[in-house]
Amino acid sequence: MAKRKRLEAPSTDDLSRIEAEYRSETRDRGALAPIAQVAADSARAGHVQTSEAREAQARDRSDAEALRAARDKGLVMLDLPLAEIDADDMMRDRIALDDEEMAELRHSISEHGLRLPIEVYALPAPKGDQRYGLISGYRRLLAVRALLAMTGEARFATIRAVLTAPATMGEAFVAMVEENEIRSGLSHFERGRVAVLAAQTDGFADTEDAIERLFASASKAKRSKVRGFALIFEELGDLIAFPKALNERRGLRIAQALRSSGAGALRDVLAAAERTDAEAEWEALENVLKEIEAGPTDPRRGGRPKAEKPAPVVVRIDDAVNVWADEDEQGPMIRLPKGTSPLIVQAFIMDLKRIVENG
């Protein structure tokens, strides 16, 4: 059996030595509990931030989120290089630009800068250097491009733009049309044209849907006129050489002729006629329109053929009084000369009444 070792109490010198050794090992730690000492060591090992620094970081994160949200809503303006913008990614609503108006716009931008930014959207896939498609501001973009080509000045190498994110191409078309209608109204033909072109994109069901949404703020009568010019573009758009010369009255006559099965005759005359200017083109069209308007009503459309209006009948009562018998849309009418005595008018009415009553 092994002998047990006898334990002896440490002497005073031993206790002093042990205490001195313990203090030398724990001098830098202070009087922290073990878990607190671990946390302190971790803090010293990492980066210690003040409360001011943490607040600054929180503000930076909040500002970044607000900037992203504002940019997505089109509330942030950017200076974009002209080379990064594709002006023709989306079909434009304008046919031609007025040279005098463009010269005035270039002068204004050169003297006072661009007062209103253009509106762009990010292309789904970049086309070389081009990263953005144009929604509105076509004239402004062309004016700045022309100024850069004319002057070479660096201030015209970029243009101020608002970056938006339309949910659909339909929304982009609506924004383009609304902007042009407010700033510089489209012609009747341009309205009909853009409705037909918009209907060919994925943003609209058909031409009627495009008209209803593109011109939602317009009156019912105005949308009806747009339908007429949309029909003209669909049937004759490839042949009409001077579409902007079609005013409202002329356009509606053509639309009515197209609805009366006159498309073939109108296309034939446009294809054959020599048109040196807008009036020559209209003269050729009008000759055919008169024939269509005077012709018999298409039986498929129903309704009665128009009866020829009889010439007014003039009856001389005496050397001083003539009576006119005529007819308008409300029916027959009899007119007495201006200044006829009220007694004569009353007597005439009484005689007419007796004639009607006696059959």
Protein backbone atom coordinates (compact mmCIF):
# COMPACT_ATOMS: atom_id res chain seq x y z
CA MET A 1 0.00 0.00 0.00
CA ALA A 2 1.41 3.34 -1.12
CA LYS A 3 2.21 5.86 1.47
CA ARG A 4 0.06 8.97 1.47
CA LYS A 5 1.88 12.25 0.92
CA ARG A 6 1.61 14.53 3.84
CA LEU A 7 0.13 17.97 2.99
CA GLU A 8 1.68 20.94 4.60
CA ALA A 9 0.25 24.45 4.85
CA PRO A 10 2.19 27.02 2.75
CA SER A 11 4.41 29.29 4.65
CA THR A 12 4.07 33.04 4.72
CA ASP A 13 6.87 33.39 2.20
CA ASP A 14 5.14 30.92 -0.14
CA LEU A 15 1.87 32.88 -0.01
CA SER A 16 3.64 36.15 -0.78
CA ARG A 17 5.41 34.58 -3.74
CA ILE A 18 2.15 33.09 -5.18
CA GLU A 19 0.31 36.39 -4.78
CA ALA A 20 3.09 38.32 -6.55
CA GLU A 21 3.08 35.84 -9.45
CA TYR A 22 -0.77 36.12 -9.84
CA ARG A 23 -0.70 39.91 -9.87
CA SER A 24 2.01 40.00 -12.52
CA GLU A 25 -0.05 37.72 -14.80
CA THR A 26 -3.37 39.61 -14.44
CA ARG A 27 -2.12 43.18 -14.18
CA ASP A 28 -3.51 44.23 -17.70
CA ARG A 29 -6.91 42.59 -17.24
CA GLY A 30 -8.17 44.53 -14.27
CA ALA A 31 -10.91 43.19 -12.09
CA LEU A 32 -13.19 41.86 -14.89
CA ALA A 33 -15.24 38.72 -14.74
CA PRO A 34 -14.17 36.03 -17.27
CA ILE A 35 -17.08 36.69 -19.75
CA ALA A 36 -16.53 40.44 -19.58
CA GLN A 37 -12.82 39.93 -20.20
CA VAL A 38 -13.63 37.88 -23.36
CA ALA A 39 -15.87 40.69 -24.70
CA ALA A 40 -13.22 43.28 -23.95
CA ASP A 41 -10.57 41.25 -25.75
CA SER A 42 -12.88 40.89 -28.81
CA ALA A 43 -13.54 44.63 -28.88
CA ARG A 44 -9.83 45.37 -28.74
CA ALA A 45 -9.19 42.87 -31.52
CA GLY A 46 -11.86 44.44 -33.79
CA HIS A 47 -12.65 48.03 -34.84
CA VAL A 48 -14.19 50.08 -32.12
CA GLN A 49 -16.80 52.67 -33.42
CA THR A 50 -18.09 55.65 -31.62
CA SER A 51 -21.81 56.38 -31.45
CA GLU A 52 -21.29 59.26 -33.90
CA ALA A 53 -19.71 56.91 -36.44
CA ARG A 54 -22.56 54.42 -36.11
CA GLU A 55 -25.11 57.22 -36.63
CA ALA A 56 -23.25 58.39 -39.73
CA GLN A 57 -23.30 54.89 -41.19
CA ALA A 58 -27.04 54.61 -40.56
CA ARG A 59 -27.65 57.93 -42.31
CA ASP A 60 -25.57 56.81 -45.30
CA ARG A 61 -27.60 53.61 -45.62
CA SER A 62 -30.88 55.56 -45.38
CA ASP A 63 -29.71 58.12 -47.96
CA ALA A 64 -28.67 55.37 -50.37
CA GLU A 65 -32.07 53.67 -50.09
CA ALA A 66 -33.88 57.00 -50.59
CA LEU A 67 -31.75 57.76 -53.66
CA ARG A 68 -32.53 54.39 -55.22
CA ALA A 69 -36.25 54.85 -54.56
CA ALA A 70 -36.22 58.40 -56.01
CA ARG A 71 -34.33 57.24 -59.10
CA ASP A 72 -36.83 54.43 -59.69
CA LYS A 73 -39.66 57.02 -59.52
CA GLY A 74 -37.94 59.33 -62.02
CA LEU A 75 -37.13 61.99 -59.44
CA VAL A 76 -33.36 62.07 -59.97
CA MET A 77 -31.70 63.93 -62.83
CA LEU A 78 -28.55 62.62 -64.48
CA ASP A 79 -26.10 64.07 -66.99
CA LEU A 80 -25.87 61.38 -69.67
CA PRO A 81 -23.43 61.27 -72.59
CA LEU A 82 -25.29 61.70 -75.88
CA ALA A 83 -23.68 58.55 -77.27
CA GLU A 84 -25.41 56.45 -74.58
CA ILE A 85 -28.95 57.38 -75.69
CA ASP A 86 -30.85 55.54 -78.43
CA ALA A 87 -33.48 57.97 -79.75
CA ASP A 88 -35.13 55.37 -81.98
CA ASP A 89 -35.48 52.35 -79.71
CA MET A 90 -39.16 53.30 -79.37
CA MET A 91 -41.25 54.39 -82.37
CA ARG A 92 -41.62 58.18 -82.36
CA ASP A 93 -44.96 59.97 -82.61
CA ARG A 94 -43.72 62.82 -84.81
CA ILE A 95 -43.39 62.54 -88.59
CA ALA A 96 -41.31 65.61 -89.36
CA LEU A 97 -39.78 68.54 -87.49
CA ASP A 98 -40.20 72.18 -88.39
CA ASP A 99 -36.80 73.67 -89.36
CA GLU A 100 -37.65 77.12 -87.99
CA GLU A 101 -38.84 75.72 -84.66
CA MET A 102 -35.70 73.58 -84.35
CA ALA A 103 -33.49 76.61 -85.02
CA GLU A 104 -35.29 78.52 -82.27
CA LEU A 105 -34.87 75.59 -79.88
CA ARG A 106 -31.12 75.34 -80.60
CA HIS A 107 -30.72 79.07 -79.99
CA SER A 108 -32.62 78.85 -76.69
CA ILE A 109 -30.53 75.92 -75.43
CA SER A 110 -27.29 77.59 -76.52
CA GLU A 111 -28.13 80.83 -74.71
CA HIS A 112 -29.98 79.61 -71.62
CA GLY A 113 -29.26 75.90 -71.33
CA LEU A 114 -31.72 73.02 -71.30
CA ARG A 115 -34.69 74.10 -69.20
CA LEU A 116 -36.46 70.73 -69.15
CA PRO A 117 -34.67 67.36 -68.97
CA ILE A 118 -35.41 64.54 -71.37
CA GLU A 119 -36.88 61.26 -70.11
CA VAL A 120 -35.13 57.93 -70.66
CA TYR A 121 -35.35 54.30 -69.59
CA ALA A 122 -32.65 51.65 -69.23
CA LEU A 123 -32.41 49.37 -72.27
CA PRO A 124 -32.94 45.68 -71.44
CA ALA A 125 -29.69 44.94 -73.28
CA PRO A 126 -27.14 47.65 -74.18
CA LYS A 127 -26.51 48.29 -77.90
CA GLY A 128 -22.82 48.99 -78.02
CA ASP A 129 -22.34 52.28 -76.17
CA GLN A 130 -26.09 52.89 -76.00
CA ARG A 131 -27.56 52.07 -72.59
CA TYR A 132 -30.76 54.16 -72.54
CA GLY A 133 -33.87 54.48 -74.71
CA LEU A 134 -35.65 57.80 -75.18
CA ILE A 135 -39.23 58.28 -73.96
CA SER A 136 -39.76 62.03 -74.35
CA GLY A 137 -37.62 64.97 -75.39
CA TYR A 138 -36.86 63.95 -78.98
CA ARG A 139 -36.60 67.53 -80.26
CA ARG A 140 -34.41 68.57 -77.32
CA LEU A 141 -32.06 65.63 -77.85
CA LEU A 142 -31.69 66.38 -81.57
CA ALA A 143 -31.07 70.05 -80.81
CA VAL A 144 -28.27 69.29 -78.34
CA ARG A 145 -26.71 66.80 -80.78
CA ALA A 146 -26.77 69.46 -83.48
CA LEU A 147 -25.15 72.00 -81.15
CA LEU A 148 -22.36 69.55 -80.31
CA ALA A 149 -21.73 68.93 -84.02
CA MET A 150 -21.81 72.68 -84.78
CA THR A 151 -19.66 73.93 -81.89
CA GLY A 152 -17.73 70.98 -80.49
CA GLU A 153 -18.23 72.45 -77.00
CA ALA A 154 -17.97 69.98 -74.13
CA ARG A 155 -21.11 71.36 -72.48
CA PHE A 156 -23.15 69.85 -75.31
CA ALA A 157 -21.57 66.38 -75.00
CA THR A 158 -24.03 65.41 -72.26
CA ILE A 159 -27.70 66.09 -71.67
CA ARG A 160 -29.72 66.28 -68.49
CA ALA A 161 -32.13 63.37 -68.22
CA VAL A 162 -34.60 61.74 -65.86
CA LEU A 163 -34.26 57.97 -65.62
CA THR A 164 -37.61 56.23 -65.22
CA ALA A 165 -38.67 52.61 -65.22
CA PRO A 166 -42.00 52.20 -67.07
CA ALA A 167 -43.73 48.94 -66.25
CA THR A 168 -44.65 48.36 -69.91
CA MET A 169 -43.96 49.88 -73.32
CA GLY A 170 -47.59 50.98 -73.23
CA GLU A 171 -46.78 53.30 -70.33
CA ALA A 172 -43.78 54.64 -72.25
CA PHE A 173 -45.98 55.46 -75.26
CA VAL A 174 -48.51 57.21 -73.02
CA ALA A 175 -45.76 59.34 -71.46
CA MET A 176 -44.39 60.29 -74.90
CA VAL A 177 -47.78 61.30 -76.30
CA GLU A 178 -48.84 63.22 -73.19
CA GLU A 179 -45.58 65.20 -73.17
CA ASN A 180 -45.88 66.17 -76.83
CA GLU A 181 -49.59 67.00 -76.57
CA ILE A 182 -48.85 69.42 -73.72
CA ARG A 183 -45.66 71.04 -75.06
CA SER A 184 -46.28 71.08 -78.81
CA GLY A 185 -49.52 69.52 -80.00
CA LEU A 186 -49.37 66.68 -82.49
CA SER A 187 -51.10 67.01 -85.83
CA HIS A 188 -54.31 65.07 -86.48
CA PHE A 189 -52.45 62.60 -88.68
CA GLU A 190 -49.66 62.12 -86.13
CA ARG A 191 -52.20 61.23 -83.44
CA GLY A 192 -53.80 58.57 -85.63
CA ARG A 193 -50.40 57.27 -86.72
CA VAL A 194 -48.99 56.85 -83.21
CA ALA A 195 -52.15 55.01 -82.12
CA VAL A 196 -51.74 52.47 -84.93
CA LEU A 197 -48.01 52.04 -84.29
CA ALA A 198 -48.52 51.70 -80.54
CA ALA A 199 -51.11 48.97 -81.15
CA GLN A 200 -48.40 46.92 -82.86
CA THR A 201 -46.38 46.71 -79.63
CA ASP A 202 -47.02 44.44 -76.67
CA GLY A 203 -48.34 47.36 -74.63
CA PHE A 204 -51.82 47.52 -76.24
CA ALA A 205 -54.47 45.03 -77.28
CA ASP A 206 -55.41 46.82 -80.52
CA THR A 207 -55.78 50.30 -82.06
CA GLU A 208 -58.95 51.03 -80.11
CA ASP A 209 -57.21 50.20 -76.84
CA ALA A 210 -54.27 52.42 -77.83
CA ILE A 211 -56.55 55.37 -78.59
CA GLU A 212 -58.44 55.00 -75.31
CA ARG A 213 -55.24 54.91 -73.25
CA LEU A 214 -53.00 57.30 -75.19
CA PHE A 215 -55.71 59.96 -75.29
CA ALA A 216 -57.50 59.13 -72.05
CA SER A 217 -57.69 62.80 -71.04
CA ALA A 218 -59.12 63.89 -74.42
CA SER A 219 -62.82 64.43 -75.04
CA LYS A 220 -64.96 61.74 -76.64
CA ALA A 221 -65.21 63.86 -79.80
CA LYS A 222 -61.42 64.19 -80.04
CA ARG A 223 -60.90 60.44 -79.66
CA SER A 224 -63.46 59.92 -82.43
CA LYS A 225 -61.36 62.13 -84.71
CA VAL A 226 -58.23 60.19 -83.77
CA ARG A 227 -60.01 56.99 -84.88
CA GLY A 228 -60.70 58.58 -88.25
CA PHE A 229 -57.07 59.55 -88.81
CA ALA A 230 -55.91 56.16 -87.54
CA LEU A 231 -58.03 54.60 -90.29
CA ILE A 232 -56.41 56.93 -92.84
CA PHE A 233 -52.94 55.86 -91.72
CA GLU A 234 -53.87 52.17 -91.86
CA GLU A 235 -55.37 52.38 -95.36
CA LEU A 236 -53.41 55.18 -97.07
CA GLY A 237 -50.39 55.94 -94.87
CA ASP A 238 -47.91 54.40 -97.30
CA LEU A 239 -49.16 56.55 -100.21
CA ILE A 240 -49.98 59.98 -98.77
CA ALA A 241 -47.03 62.28 -99.42
CA PHE A 242 -48.24 65.32 -97.45
CA PRO A 243 -50.05 63.93 -94.39
CA LYS A 244 -49.50 67.01 -92.21
CA ALA A 245 -51.50 69.08 -94.70
CA LEU A 246 -54.64 67.10 -93.89
CA ASN A 247 -56.66 69.35 -91.64
CA GLU A 248 -59.55 68.05 -89.58
CA ARG A 249 -62.24 68.66 -92.21
CA ARG A 250 -60.31 67.01 -95.04
CA GLY A 251 -59.28 64.08 -92.90
CA LEU A 252 -62.80 63.34 -91.77
CA ARG A 253 -64.02 63.36 -95.38
CA ILE A 254 -61.37 60.79 -96.29
CA ALA A 255 -62.21 58.67 -93.25
CA GLN A 256 -65.90 58.67 -94.19
CA ALA A 257 -65.03 57.64 -97.74
CA LEU A 258 -62.90 54.79 -96.40
CA ARG A 259 -65.82 53.60 -94.29
CA SER A 260 -67.93 53.68 -97.47
CA SER A 261 -65.63 51.17 -99.19
CA GLY A 262 -63.65 53.85 -100.99
CA ALA A 263 -60.16 52.61 -100.06
CA GLY A 264 -59.48 51.06 -103.47
CA ALA A 265 -60.38 54.18 -105.45
CA LEU A 266 -58.39 56.45 -103.13
CA ARG A 267 -55.32 54.23 -103.30
CA ASP A 268 -55.53 54.10 -107.09
CA VAL A 269 -55.61 57.88 -107.44
CA LEU A 270 -52.75 58.37 -104.98
CA ALA A 271 -50.62 55.81 -106.80
CA ALA A 272 -51.26 57.38 -110.19
CA ALA A 273 -51.41 61.11 -109.47
CA GLU A 274 -48.47 63.47 -109.94
CA ARG A 275 -48.25 65.32 -106.65
CA THR A 276 -45.88 68.24 -106.58
CA ASP A 277 -47.30 69.75 -103.41
CA ALA A 278 -49.98 69.27 -100.78
CA GLU A 279 -52.69 71.08 -102.72
CA ALA A 280 -52.10 68.99 -105.84
CA GLU A 281 -52.43 65.85 -103.74
CA TRP A 282 -55.64 67.10 -102.16
CA GLU A 283 -57.12 68.05 -105.53
CA ALA A 284 -56.57 64.49 -106.77
CA LEU A 285 -58.14 63.07 -103.62
CA GLU A 286 -61.09 65.44 -103.68
CA ASN A 287 -62.10 64.44 -107.19
CA VAL A 288 -62.48 60.85 -106.04
CA LEU A 289 -64.12 61.88 -102.79
CA LYS A 290 -66.85 63.73 -104.67
CA GLU A 291 -67.61 60.61 -106.70
CA ILE A 292 -67.75 58.46 -103.58
CA GLU A 293 -69.94 60.96 -101.73
CA ALA A 294 -72.35 61.22 -104.68
CA GLY A 295 -72.52 57.48 -105.27
CA PRO A 296 -75.14 55.05 -103.95
CA THR A 297 -75.04 54.03 -100.34
CA ASP A 298 -73.37 50.71 -99.64
CA PRO A 299 -76.34 48.34 -99.03
CA ARG A 300 -74.33 46.50 -96.37
CA ARG A 301 -74.34 49.65 -94.24
CA GLY A 302 -78.13 49.97 -94.33
CA GLY A 303 -80.05 53.23 -94.34
CA ARG A 304 -81.95 54.98 -97.09
CA PRO A 305 -80.24 56.59 -100.07
CA LYS A 306 -80.15 60.35 -99.91
CA ALA A 307 -82.92 62.02 -101.90
CA GLU A 308 -82.05 65.00 -104.03
CA LYS A 309 -83.08 68.24 -102.41
CA PRO A 310 -85.72 70.08 -104.50
CA ALA A 311 -85.09 73.67 -105.47
CA PRO A 312 -86.94 76.33 -103.42
CA VAL A 313 -90.36 77.38 -104.78
CA VAL A 314 -91.04 81.09 -105.03
CA VAL A 315 -94.67 82.27 -105.26
CA ARG A 316 -95.38 85.88 -106.09
CA ILE A 317 -98.50 87.12 -104.23
CA ASP A 318 -98.43 90.58 -105.75
CA ASP A 319 -95.83 93.06 -106.93
CA ALA A 320 -94.53 93.52 -103.40
CA VAL A 321 -94.80 90.13 -101.69
CA ASN A 322 -93.04 86.86 -102.54
CA VAL A 323 -93.44 83.61 -100.60
CA TRP A 324 -90.66 81.00 -100.54
CA ALA A 325 -91.35 77.31 -100.01
CA ASP A 326 -88.30 75.23 -99.10
CA GLU A 327 -87.26 72.21 -97.04
CA ASP A 328 -84.51 71.53 -94.52
CA GLU A 329 -83.61 68.63 -92.22
CA GLN A 330 -86.61 69.42 -90.02
CA GLY A 331 -89.13 69.33 -92.88
CA PRO A 332 -90.94 71.76 -95.23
CA MET A 333 -90.98 75.48 -94.42
CA ILE A 334 -92.58 78.63 -95.80
CA ARG A 335 -90.83 81.97 -95.57
CA LEU A 336 -92.37 85.42 -95.96
CA PRO A 337 -90.35 88.50 -96.86
CA LYS A 338 -88.63 90.40 -94.08
CA GLY A 339 -90.78 93.30 -92.89
CA THR A 340 -94.11 91.64 -93.69
CA SER A 341 -96.90 93.12 -91.56
CA PRO A 342 -97.86 90.97 -88.52
CA LEU A 343 -101.52 91.20 -89.62
CA ILE A 344 -100.62 89.65 -92.98
CA VAL A 345 -98.61 86.91 -91.26
CA GLN A 346 -101.55 86.10 -88.96
CA ALA A 347 -104.02 86.04 -91.84
CA PHE A 348 -101.66 83.80 -93.82
CA ILE A 349 -101.38 81.34 -90.93
CA MET A 350 -105.18 81.21 -90.50
CA ASP A 351 -105.67 80.53 -94.21
CA LEU A 352 -103.00 77.81 -94.07
CA LYS A 353 -104.72 76.26 -91.07
CA ARG A 354 -108.07 76.06 -92.88
CA ILE A 355 -106.38 74.43 -95.88
CA VAL A 356 -104.77 71.78 -93.68
CA GLU A 357 -108.02 71.09 -91.77
CA ASN A 358 -110.04 70.72 -94.98
CA GLY A 359 -107.50 68.30 -96.41
